[in-house]
Structures are given as C-alpha cells and as structure tokens.
Amino acid sequence: MVNNLDPFGKELLLVRHAKSSWDDPYLDDHDRPLNERGLRNAPEMGKRLQGWSIRPDVWISSTAVRAISTAEIIATQIDFPNDQIKQTKDLYHASATELQEFIGGLDDQFGTAILFGHNPGMTSLAANLYGLPIDNIPTCGVVCLQFSENNWSAVSSVPPVRAYFDFPKNESGEALRLI
C-alpha cells in the first residue's frame, strides 16, 4: 500500500499526461488530444491509483488538452468530480524550477495534491530536485512523493521521506518504491 503517510505530512503526485496524438501535424501543441494508447493507459493508471487508496485534496492540470483529458479519466476512476479539477497554464511545459515554485505556493489546507503536466519538467523535478533515480517519467507515469513537512513551501525544496513510481508498462502493476 502506497498511502501510509503520517497524517501531518504532505503528499504530492506528479502525473505526466498520457500518450497524445500526432495525427494532425498542423494542430497546435496545446490542443493535441490523447491517442488510442493514451485512452487505454489513463484508465489503467487511474485504477492503480484507486488501489493505492490515495485521495488527493486538490487536482491541478496543465491547460493542454492531453493533460486535462488524462486528469479527467483518472479522476473518473477515483470518483473525483471532473468539474473540481483546476486548470492552469502555469503547468503547461513548466520547467522544474517553475514546478518547484508552483508547489511551494500551494495552499497548506491541502494535504495531498496531484499535478498533471509535461516532460521534461516533471522528470527534471523528480530526478534533480528530489534526487530520485528516474531517467524519464513516461507518458501516464506517476510519481508519488511523501513528505514529513506540514507546508508546501518546505516540500518544494526538501527530499521526500518516501517515493513511489509507476507507469503503464510496469508489468508488475505495483508501484516501485524508490525511497
């Protein structure tokens, strides 16, 4: 079970959007939808997250169609209302530094936050800031970070006490514990 965090700490989930379609080369990057594989992977990852018993207090997605679609599909699997998913351009192709600043500004009333975004920022944040042995968060990959800190400003600059990683091609179907 992934969700075994002390109730006074914070938990952060980083989700890279599911695989997007490149069928229309003239479509603006922001407007690209999920492809067939993305539409298969997102519900599967939602089911896995449901099995972790994680219930994020706040869902925040990049405004890109592929990120919002991933968030909505996963939310459906966890029974989180799609109309409560917050959208922000701040997560659209955010760098690791921009993600760090965004996380540091989250409202401390939220114990668990889930962010839907893009590479290379997500991988860089996990590998470089949090020191995790992750070379790449693949499409629809999920990194779950658990902290002992009680505020997001601290979470944005300290390593987690526990970290888990899962992705669609992980055949075991169980999150890999990294820390």
N, C-alpha and C. Protein backbone atom coordinates (compact mmCIF):
# COMPACT_ATOMS: atom_id res chain seq x y z
N MET A 1 0.85 -1.18 0.00
CA MET A 1 0.00 0.00 0.00
C MET A 1 0.89 1.24 0.00
N VAL A 2 0.61 2.16 -0.88
CA VAL A 2 1.41 3.36 -1.01
C VAL A 2 1.07 4.38 0.05
N ASN A 3 -0.20 4.53 0.36
CA ASN A 3 -0.63 5.64 1.22
C ASN A 3 -0.50 5.28 2.70
N ASN A 4 0.72 5.37 3.22
CA ASN A 4 0.96 5.09 4.64
C ASN A 4 1.66 6.28 5.30
N LEU A 5 1.29 7.47 4.88
CA LEU A 5 1.93 8.71 5.32
C LEU A 5 1.39 9.17 6.66
N ASP A 6 2.29 9.69 7.48
CA ASP A 6 1.90 10.37 8.71
C ASP A 6 0.88 11.45 8.34
N PRO A 7 -0.24 11.55 9.05
CA PRO A 7 -1.28 12.50 8.66
C PRO A 7 -0.87 13.96 8.71
N PHE A 8 0.27 14.28 9.31
CA PHE A 8 0.68 15.68 9.39
C PHE A 8 1.60 16.09 8.26
N GLY A 9 1.96 15.17 7.38
CA GLY A 9 2.84 15.48 6.27
C GLY A 9 2.07 15.76 4.99
N LYS A 10 2.80 16.11 3.97
CA LYS A 10 2.22 16.38 2.65
C LYS A 10 2.53 15.24 1.71
N GLU A 11 1.65 15.09 0.71
CA GLU A 11 1.83 14.07 -0.31
C GLU A 11 1.61 14.74 -1.67
N LEU A 12 2.53 14.48 -2.60
CA LEU A 12 2.48 15.09 -3.92
C LEU A 12 2.55 14.01 -4.97
N LEU A 13 1.60 14.05 -5.90
CA LEU A 13 1.64 13.14 -7.04
C LEU A 13 1.91 13.95 -8.30
N LEU A 14 2.88 13.50 -9.05
CA LEU A 14 3.22 14.10 -10.33
C LEU A 14 2.79 13.12 -11.41
N VAL A 15 1.93 13.56 -12.32
CA VAL A 15 1.44 12.68 -13.37
C VAL A 15 1.76 13.32 -14.72
N ARG A 16 2.52 12.61 -15.52
CA ARG A 16 2.74 13.08 -16.89
C ARG A 16 1.52 12.68 -17.70
N HIS A 17 1.08 13.56 -18.56
CA HIS A 17 -0.09 13.27 -19.40
C HIS A 17 0.09 11.96 -20.16
N ALA A 18 -1.02 11.33 -20.52
CA ALA A 18 -0.99 10.09 -21.30
C ALA A 18 -0.55 10.41 -22.73
N LYS A 19 -0.28 9.37 -23.48
CA LYS A 19 0.24 9.50 -24.86
C LYS A 19 -0.72 10.30 -25.72
N SER A 20 -0.18 11.29 -26.41
CA SER A 20 -1.01 12.17 -27.24
C SER A 20 -0.87 11.84 -28.72
N SER A 21 -1.82 12.32 -29.47
CA SER A 21 -1.88 12.06 -30.90
C SER A 21 -1.08 13.09 -31.68
N TRP A 22 -0.40 12.62 -32.70
CA TRP A 22 0.31 13.48 -33.64
C TRP A 22 -0.30 13.35 -35.03
N ASP A 23 -1.56 12.87 -35.09
CA ASP A 23 -2.21 12.64 -36.39
C ASP A 23 -2.34 13.91 -37.23
N ASP A 24 -2.57 15.04 -36.58
CA ASP A 24 -2.74 16.29 -37.30
C ASP A 24 -1.50 17.16 -37.06
N PRO A 25 -0.57 17.19 -38.02
CA PRO A 25 0.67 17.94 -37.82
C PRO A 25 0.46 19.46 -37.73
N TYR A 26 -0.71 19.93 -38.12
CA TYR A 26 -0.99 21.36 -38.10
C TYR A 26 -1.70 21.80 -36.82
N LEU A 27 -2.10 20.84 -36.00
CA LEU A 27 -2.78 21.16 -34.76
C LEU A 27 -1.79 21.77 -33.78
N ASP A 28 -2.19 22.83 -33.12
CA ASP A 28 -1.35 23.46 -32.12
C ASP A 28 -1.02 22.45 -31.01
N ASP A 29 0.22 22.47 -30.53
CA ASP A 29 0.66 21.54 -29.49
C ASP A 29 -0.29 21.51 -28.30
N HIS A 30 -0.76 22.65 -27.89
CA HIS A 30 -1.65 22.78 -26.73
C HIS A 30 -2.95 22.00 -26.93
N ASP A 31 -3.38 21.83 -28.18
CA ASP A 31 -4.68 21.25 -28.50
C ASP A 31 -4.64 19.76 -28.87
N ARG A 32 -3.46 19.15 -28.78
CA ARG A 32 -3.37 17.73 -29.17
C ARG A 32 -4.15 16.84 -28.20
N PRO A 33 -5.01 15.95 -28.72
CA PRO A 33 -5.78 15.03 -27.86
C PRO A 33 -4.95 13.78 -27.54
N LEU A 34 -5.52 12.92 -26.72
CA LEU A 34 -4.90 11.62 -26.45
C LEU A 34 -5.07 10.71 -27.66
N ASN A 35 -4.09 9.83 -27.86
CA ASN A 35 -4.24 8.83 -28.91
C ASN A 35 -4.84 7.56 -28.29
N GLU A 36 -4.96 6.50 -29.08
CA GLU A 36 -5.59 5.26 -28.59
C GLU A 36 -4.85 4.70 -27.38
N ARG A 37 -3.53 4.70 -27.44
CA ARG A 37 -2.76 4.17 -26.31
C ARG A 37 -3.00 5.02 -25.06
N GLY A 38 -3.02 6.34 -25.22
CA GLY A 38 -3.30 7.22 -24.09
C GLY A 38 -4.67 6.95 -23.49
N LEU A 39 -5.64 6.71 -24.35
CA LEU A 39 -7.01 6.43 -23.88
C LEU A 39 -7.11 5.07 -23.18
N ARG A 40 -6.17 4.16 -23.44
CA ARG A 40 -6.11 2.88 -22.72
C ARG A 40 -5.33 3.01 -21.41
N ASN A 41 -4.22 3.74 -21.48
CA ASN A 41 -3.32 3.84 -20.32
C ASN A 41 -3.91 4.66 -19.17
N ALA A 42 -4.59 5.75 -19.48
CA ALA A 42 -5.10 6.63 -18.41
C ALA A 42 -6.07 5.91 -17.48
N PRO A 43 -7.06 5.17 -17.99
CA PRO A 43 -7.94 4.44 -17.07
C PRO A 43 -7.20 3.38 -16.25
N GLU A 44 -6.22 2.73 -16.88
CA GLU A 44 -5.43 1.72 -16.16
C GLU A 44 -4.67 2.36 -15.00
N MET A 45 -4.05 3.50 -15.24
CA MET A 45 -3.32 4.17 -14.17
C MET A 45 -4.28 4.69 -13.11
N GLY A 46 -5.47 5.10 -13.52
CA GLY A 46 -6.48 5.52 -12.55
C GLY A 46 -6.88 4.38 -11.63
N LYS A 47 -7.02 3.19 -12.20
CA LYS A 47 -7.35 2.01 -11.38
C LYS A 47 -6.23 1.71 -10.40
N ARG A 48 -4.99 1.85 -10.87
CA ARG A 48 -3.87 1.60 -9.96
C ARG A 48 -3.86 2.62 -8.82
N LEU A 49 -4.08 3.89 -9.16
CA LEU A 49 -4.12 4.91 -8.10
C LEU A 49 -5.27 4.65 -7.13
N GLN A 50 -6.38 4.19 -7.64
CA GLN A 50 -7.51 3.86 -6.77
C GLN A 50 -7.08 2.77 -5.79
N GLY A 51 -6.31 1.81 -6.26
CA GLY A 51 -5.81 0.73 -5.41
C GLY A 51 -4.83 1.21 -4.35
N TRP A 52 -4.21 2.35 -4.57
CA TRP A 52 -3.28 2.91 -3.59
C TRP A 52 -4.01 3.61 -2.45
N SER A 53 -5.31 3.76 -2.58
CA SER A 53 -6.13 4.46 -1.57
C SER A 53 -5.71 5.92 -1.39
N ILE A 54 -5.25 6.53 -2.46
CA ILE A 54 -4.87 7.94 -2.40
C ILE A 54 -6.06 8.78 -2.82
N ARG A 55 -6.36 9.78 -2.04
CA ARG A 55 -7.48 10.67 -2.33
C ARG A 55 -6.98 12.11 -2.31
N PRO A 56 -6.45 12.60 -3.45
CA PRO A 56 -5.94 13.97 -3.48
C PRO A 56 -7.02 14.99 -3.09
N ASP A 57 -6.60 15.98 -2.32
CA ASP A 57 -7.49 17.07 -1.92
C ASP A 57 -7.65 18.08 -3.04
N VAL A 58 -6.61 18.24 -3.84
CA VAL A 58 -6.65 19.20 -4.94
C VAL A 58 -6.04 18.56 -6.19
N TRP A 59 -6.73 18.74 -7.31
CA TRP A 59 -6.29 18.25 -8.61
C TRP A 59 -6.01 19.47 -9.46
N ILE A 60 -4.80 19.53 -10.01
CA ILE A 60 -4.43 20.68 -10.84
C ILE A 60 -3.78 20.17 -12.11
N SER A 61 -4.26 20.66 -13.24
CA SER A 61 -3.79 20.21 -14.53
C SER A 61 -3.31 21.36 -15.39
N SER A 62 -2.34 21.07 -16.21
CA SER A 62 -1.97 21.97 -17.29
C SER A 62 -3.23 22.17 -18.14
N THR A 63 -3.30 23.28 -18.84
CA THR A 63 -4.46 23.55 -19.70
C THR A 63 -4.40 22.80 -21.02
N ALA A 64 -3.32 22.10 -21.31
CA ALA A 64 -3.22 21.34 -22.55
C ALA A 64 -4.29 20.25 -22.57
N VAL A 65 -4.89 20.04 -23.73
CA VAL A 65 -5.98 19.07 -23.87
C VAL A 65 -5.54 17.69 -23.39
N ARG A 66 -4.35 17.26 -23.73
CA ARG A 66 -3.89 15.92 -23.34
C ARG A 66 -3.74 15.78 -21.83
N ALA A 67 -3.34 16.85 -21.14
CA ALA A 67 -3.20 16.81 -19.69
C ALA A 67 -4.57 16.81 -19.02
N ILE A 68 -5.45 17.68 -19.48
CA ILE A 68 -6.80 17.74 -18.90
C ILE A 68 -7.52 16.40 -19.10
N SER A 69 -7.40 15.85 -20.30
CA SER A 69 -8.05 14.56 -20.58
C SER A 69 -7.53 13.47 -19.66
N THR A 70 -6.22 13.44 -19.45
CA THR A 70 -5.63 12.45 -18.54
C THR A 70 -6.18 12.64 -17.13
N ALA A 71 -6.22 13.88 -16.67
CA ALA A 71 -6.73 14.17 -15.32
C ALA A 71 -8.18 13.73 -15.19
N GLU A 72 -9.00 14.02 -16.18
CA GLU A 72 -10.43 13.66 -16.11
C GLU A 72 -10.64 12.15 -16.12
N ILE A 73 -9.88 11.45 -16.94
CA ILE A 73 -10.03 9.98 -16.99
C ILE A 73 -9.62 9.36 -15.66
N ILE A 74 -8.49 9.80 -15.11
CA ILE A 74 -8.03 9.26 -13.83
C ILE A 74 -8.99 9.65 -12.71
N ALA A 75 -9.50 10.88 -12.74
CA ALA A 75 -10.46 11.32 -11.72
C ALA A 75 -11.71 10.44 -11.73
N THR A 76 -12.16 10.07 -12.91
CA THR A 76 -13.34 9.21 -13.02
C THR A 76 -13.10 7.87 -12.32
N GLN A 77 -11.89 7.33 -12.44
CA GLN A 77 -11.56 6.05 -11.81
C GLN A 77 -11.54 6.17 -10.28
N ILE A 78 -11.25 7.36 -9.78
CA ILE A 78 -11.11 7.57 -8.33
C ILE A 78 -12.35 8.25 -7.74
N ASP A 79 -13.35 8.47 -8.57
CA ASP A 79 -14.58 9.15 -8.13
C ASP A 79 -14.35 10.57 -7.65
N PHE A 80 -13.47 11.28 -8.34
CA PHE A 80 -13.27 12.70 -8.07
C PHE A 80 -14.01 13.47 -9.15
N PRO A 81 -14.80 14.48 -8.78
CA PRO A 81 -15.60 15.22 -9.78
C PRO A 81 -14.73 16.00 -10.76
N ASN A 82 -14.94 15.75 -12.05
CA ASN A 82 -14.16 16.43 -13.08
C ASN A 82 -14.28 17.95 -13.00
N ASP A 83 -15.43 18.44 -12.56
CA ASP A 83 -15.60 19.89 -12.51
C ASP A 83 -14.80 20.55 -11.39
N GLN A 84 -14.16 19.75 -10.55
CA GLN A 84 -13.33 20.30 -9.48
C GLN A 84 -11.83 20.25 -9.82
N ILE A 85 -11.51 19.80 -11.02
CA ILE A 85 -10.11 19.80 -11.46
C ILE A 85 -9.76 21.24 -11.86
N LYS A 86 -8.76 21.78 -11.20
CA LYS A 86 -8.32 23.14 -11.52
C LYS A 86 -7.38 23.07 -12.72
N GLN A 87 -7.46 24.06 -13.57
CA GLN A 87 -6.60 24.14 -14.74
C GLN A 87 -5.78 25.41 -14.67
N THR A 88 -4.50 25.28 -15.04
CA THR A 88 -3.63 26.45 -15.06
C THR A 88 -2.59 26.33 -16.16
N LYS A 89 -2.35 27.43 -16.84
CA LYS A 89 -1.29 27.47 -17.85
C LYS A 89 0.08 27.36 -17.19
N ASP A 90 0.15 27.63 -15.89
CA ASP A 90 1.44 27.56 -15.19
C ASP A 90 2.09 26.18 -15.30
N LEU A 91 1.28 25.14 -15.50
CA LEU A 91 1.83 23.78 -15.61
C LEU A 91 2.12 23.36 -17.05
N TYR A 92 1.71 24.18 -18.02
CA TYR A 92 1.93 23.84 -19.42
C TYR A 92 3.42 24.00 -19.74
N HIS A 93 4.08 22.89 -19.97
CA HIS A 93 5.52 22.84 -20.26
C HIS A 93 6.36 23.57 -19.22
N ALA A 94 5.95 23.50 -17.96
CA ALA A 94 6.69 24.14 -16.87
C ALA A 94 8.05 23.46 -16.68
N SER A 95 9.05 24.26 -16.42
CA SER A 95 10.37 23.73 -16.09
C SER A 95 10.35 23.20 -14.66
N ALA A 96 11.41 22.52 -14.27
CA ALA A 96 11.50 22.02 -12.90
C ALA A 96 11.44 23.18 -11.90
N THR A 97 12.10 24.27 -12.22
CA THR A 97 12.10 25.44 -11.34
C THR A 97 10.71 26.03 -11.23
N GLU A 98 10.00 26.12 -12.34
CA GLU A 98 8.63 26.64 -12.31
C GLU A 98 7.71 25.72 -11.53
N LEU A 99 7.89 24.41 -11.68
CA LEU A 99 7.09 23.44 -10.91
C LEU A 99 7.40 23.59 -9.42
N GLN A 100 8.66 23.74 -9.08
CA GLN A 100 9.07 23.92 -7.69
C GLN A 100 8.39 25.15 -7.09
N GLU A 101 8.38 26.25 -7.82
CA GLU A 101 7.73 27.47 -7.34
C GLU A 101 6.23 27.27 -7.20
N PHE A 102 5.63 26.56 -8.16
CA PHE A 102 4.19 26.30 -8.12
C PHE A 102 3.84 25.48 -6.88
N ILE A 103 4.59 24.42 -6.64
CA ILE A 103 4.35 23.55 -5.49
C ILE A 103 4.50 24.35 -4.18
N GLY A 104 5.53 25.18 -4.12
CA GLY A 104 5.76 25.99 -2.93
C GLY A 104 4.63 26.96 -2.64
N GLY A 105 3.85 27.29 -3.64
CA GLY A 105 2.74 28.21 -3.47
C GLY A 105 1.39 27.56 -3.22
N LEU A 106 1.35 26.23 -3.14
CA LEU A 106 0.08 25.55 -2.88
C LEU A 106 -0.44 25.93 -1.50
N ASP A 107 -1.74 25.91 -1.35
CA ASP A 107 -2.39 26.24 -0.09
C ASP A 107 -2.17 25.10 0.91
N ASP A 108 -1.69 25.44 2.08
CA ASP A 108 -1.38 24.42 3.09
C ASP A 108 -2.60 23.67 3.60
N GLN A 109 -3.82 24.12 3.26
CA GLN A 109 -5.00 23.37 3.66
C GLN A 109 -5.06 22.01 2.95
N PHE A 110 -4.35 21.88 1.83
CA PHE A 110 -4.36 20.63 1.08
C PHE A 110 -3.26 19.70 1.58
N GLY A 111 -3.66 18.49 1.98
CA GLY A 111 -2.68 17.51 2.43
C GLY A 111 -2.06 16.74 1.28
N THR A 112 -2.87 16.45 0.26
CA THR A 112 -2.41 15.70 -0.90
C THR A 112 -2.79 16.46 -2.15
N ALA A 113 -1.79 16.69 -3.01
CA ALA A 113 -2.02 17.38 -4.28
C ALA A 113 -1.57 16.49 -5.43
N ILE A 114 -2.31 16.54 -6.53
CA ILE A 114 -1.94 15.81 -7.74
C ILE A 114 -1.84 16.82 -8.87
N LEU A 115 -0.68 16.79 -9.56
CA LEU A 115 -0.42 17.71 -10.65
C LEU A 115 -0.29 16.93 -11.95
N PHE A 116 -0.93 17.39 -13.00
CA PHE A 116 -0.87 16.77 -14.32
C PHE A 116 -0.12 17.71 -15.24
N GLY A 117 1.01 17.24 -15.76
CA GLY A 117 1.83 18.11 -16.57
C GLY A 117 2.64 17.38 -17.62
N HIS A 118 3.83 17.90 -17.88
CA HIS A 118 4.61 17.53 -19.06
C HIS A 118 6.09 17.30 -18.72
N ASN A 119 6.73 16.59 -19.61
CA ASN A 119 8.18 16.48 -19.60
C ASN A 119 8.74 17.57 -20.48
N PRO A 120 9.96 17.98 -20.28
CA PRO A 120 10.96 17.41 -19.37
C PRO A 120 10.88 17.91 -17.93
N GLY A 121 10.01 18.89 -17.66
CA GLY A 121 9.93 19.47 -16.33
C GLY A 121 9.63 18.47 -15.22
N MET A 122 8.68 17.58 -15.46
CA MET A 122 8.29 16.60 -14.42
C MET A 122 9.47 15.70 -14.06
N THR A 123 10.14 15.16 -15.09
CA THR A 123 11.28 14.27 -14.82
C THR A 123 12.41 15.03 -14.15
N SER A 124 12.69 16.22 -14.62
CA SER A 124 13.75 17.02 -14.03
C SER A 124 13.47 17.32 -12.56
N LEU A 125 12.23 17.64 -12.24
CA LEU A 125 11.85 17.89 -10.85
C LEU A 125 12.10 16.65 -9.99
N ALA A 126 11.62 15.50 -10.47
CA ALA A 126 11.77 14.25 -9.69
C ALA A 126 13.24 13.86 -9.55
N ALA A 127 13.99 13.94 -10.63
CA ALA A 127 15.38 13.48 -10.61
C ALA A 127 16.33 14.49 -9.99
N ASN A 128 16.22 15.74 -10.39
CA ASN A 128 17.21 16.73 -9.97
C ASN A 128 16.88 17.39 -8.63
N LEU A 129 15.64 17.79 -8.43
CA LEU A 129 15.29 18.43 -7.16
C LEU A 129 15.13 17.40 -6.05
N TYR A 130 14.36 16.35 -6.34
CA TYR A 130 14.07 15.37 -5.29
C TYR A 130 15.05 14.20 -5.26
N GLY A 131 16.00 14.16 -6.19
CA GLY A 131 17.07 13.18 -6.16
C GLY A 131 16.65 11.74 -6.41
N LEU A 132 15.57 11.55 -7.17
CA LEU A 132 15.09 10.19 -7.42
C LEU A 132 15.80 9.57 -8.63
N PRO A 133 15.99 8.26 -8.60
CA PRO A 133 16.66 7.59 -9.72
C PRO A 133 15.70 7.33 -10.90
N ILE A 134 15.23 8.42 -11.49
CA ILE A 134 14.29 8.34 -12.61
C ILE A 134 14.91 9.07 -13.79
N ASP A 135 15.15 8.35 -14.88
CA ASP A 135 15.69 8.99 -16.09
C ASP A 135 14.59 9.63 -16.92
N ASN A 136 13.40 9.07 -16.83
CA ASN A 136 12.28 9.56 -17.64
C ASN A 136 10.97 9.12 -17.01
N ILE A 137 10.07 10.06 -16.83
CA ILE A 137 8.70 9.70 -16.46
C ILE A 137 7.98 9.49 -17.79
N PRO A 138 7.62 8.26 -18.11
CA PRO A 138 6.96 8.04 -19.40
C PRO A 138 5.53 8.58 -19.40
N THR A 139 4.94 8.63 -20.58
CA THR A 139 3.57 9.11 -20.66
C THR A 139 2.69 8.31 -19.72
N CYS A 140 1.86 9.01 -18.98
CA CYS A 140 0.94 8.49 -17.98
C CYS A 140 1.66 7.89 -16.77
N GLY A 141 2.95 8.21 -16.64
CA GLY A 141 3.70 7.78 -15.47
C GLY A 141 3.31 8.61 -14.26
N VAL A 142 3.40 8.01 -13.07
CA VAL A 142 3.02 8.65 -11.82
C VAL A 142 4.16 8.53 -10.82
N VAL A 143 4.52 9.65 -10.23
CA VAL A 143 5.48 9.66 -9.14
C VAL A 143 4.73 10.15 -7.91
N CYS A 144 4.78 9.36 -6.84
CA CYS A 144 4.12 9.72 -5.58
C CYS A 144 5.21 10.02 -4.56
N LEU A 145 5.18 11.25 -4.05
CA LEU A 145 6.18 11.72 -3.10
C LEU A 145 5.51 11.99 -1.77
N GLN A 146 6.08 11.45 -0.70
CA GLN A 146 5.53 11.64 0.62
C GLN A 146 6.56 12.36 1.49
N PHE A 147 6.10 13.41 2.17
CA PHE A 147 6.96 14.29 2.94
C PHE A 147 6.54 14.33 4.40
N SER A 148 7.48 14.61 5.27
CA SER A 148 7.15 14.80 6.68
C SER A 148 6.77 16.25 6.97
N GLU A 149 7.06 17.16 6.05
CA GLU A 149 6.77 18.58 6.24
C GLU A 149 5.28 18.86 6.22
N ASN A 150 4.90 19.91 6.93
CA ASN A 150 3.49 20.30 7.01
C ASN A 150 3.11 21.43 6.08
N ASN A 151 4.07 21.99 5.37
CA ASN A 151 3.72 23.10 4.47
C ASN A 151 4.38 22.90 3.11
N TRP A 152 3.70 23.40 2.11
CA TRP A 152 4.14 23.21 0.73
C TRP A 152 5.43 23.99 0.43
N SER A 153 5.64 25.09 1.09
CA SER A 153 6.87 25.84 0.82
C SER A 153 8.09 25.00 1.19
N ALA A 154 8.00 24.21 2.25
CA ALA A 154 9.10 23.32 2.62
C ALA A 154 9.20 22.15 1.66
N VAL A 155 8.06 21.60 1.26
CA VAL A 155 8.02 20.46 0.34
C VAL A 155 8.71 20.79 -0.97
N SER A 156 8.65 22.04 -1.37
CA SER A 156 9.22 22.42 -2.66
C SER A 156 10.75 22.38 -2.68
N SER A 157 11.37 22.20 -1.52
CA SER A 157 12.84 22.26 -1.51
C SER A 157 13.52 21.19 -0.66
N VAL A 158 12.79 20.18 -0.21
CA VAL A 158 13.41 19.10 0.58
C VAL A 158 13.09 17.76 -0.06
N PRO A 159 13.94 16.77 0.17
CA PRO A 159 13.64 15.45 -0.39
C PRO A 159 12.49 14.77 0.34
N PRO A 160 11.78 13.90 -0.36
CA PRO A 160 10.69 13.17 0.29
C PRO A 160 11.23 12.10 1.23
N VAL A 161 10.38 11.65 2.15
CA VAL A 161 10.75 10.55 3.03
C VAL A 161 10.44 9.20 2.37
N ARG A 162 9.48 9.21 1.46
CA ARG A 162 9.14 8.02 0.67
C ARG A 162 8.79 8.48 -0.74
N ALA A 163 9.09 7.63 -1.71
CA ALA A 163 8.74 7.94 -3.09
C ALA A 163 8.42 6.65 -3.82
N TYR A 164 7.39 6.70 -4.64
CA TYR A 164 6.93 5.56 -5.43
C TYR A 164 6.80 6.00 -6.88
N PHE A 165 6.94 5.03 -7.77
CA PHE A 165 6.91 5.32 -9.21
C PHE A 165 6.14 4.20 -9.90
N ASP A 166 5.24 4.58 -10.77
CA ASP A 166 4.51 3.60 -11.56
C ASP A 166 4.25 4.17 -12.94
N PHE A 167 4.08 3.30 -13.89
CA PHE A 167 3.89 3.70 -15.28
C PHE A 167 3.21 2.56 -16.02
N PRO A 168 2.54 2.84 -17.13
CA PRO A 168 1.74 1.82 -17.81
C PRO A 168 2.50 0.54 -18.18
N LYS A 169 3.74 0.64 -18.57
CA LYS A 169 4.48 -0.57 -18.99
C LYS A 169 5.11 -1.32 -17.83
N ASN A 170 4.85 -0.90 -16.61
CA ASN A 170 5.32 -1.61 -15.42
C ASN A 170 4.44 -2.85 -15.29
N GLU A 171 4.95 -3.96 -15.75
CA GLU A 171 4.14 -5.18 -15.83
C GLU A 171 3.73 -5.74 -14.48
N SER A 172 4.45 -5.39 -13.42
CA SER A 172 4.08 -5.90 -12.11
C SER A 172 2.75 -5.31 -11.65
N GLY A 173 2.44 -4.10 -12.17
CA GLY A 173 1.20 -3.43 -11.75
C GLY A 173 1.26 -2.86 -10.35
N GLU A 174 2.43 -2.96 -9.72
CA GLU A 174 2.60 -2.41 -8.37
C GLU A 174 3.64 -1.31 -8.43
N ALA A 175 3.41 -0.27 -7.67
CA ALA A 175 4.34 0.87 -7.65
C ALA A 175 5.71 0.42 -7.18
N LEU A 176 6.73 0.98 -7.79
CA LEU A 176 8.10 0.71 -7.40
C LEU A 176 8.49 1.69 -6.29
N ARG A 177 8.93 1.17 -5.19
CA ARG A 177 9.36 2.07 -4.10
C ARG A 177 10.78 2.52 -4.38
N LEU A 178 10.97 3.83 -4.45
CA LEU A 178 12.28 4.40 -4.74
C LEU A 178 13.02 4.81 -3.48
N ILE A 179 12.27 5.22 -2.47
CA ILE A 179 12.86 5.61 -1.18
C ILE A 179 12.03 4.94 -0.09
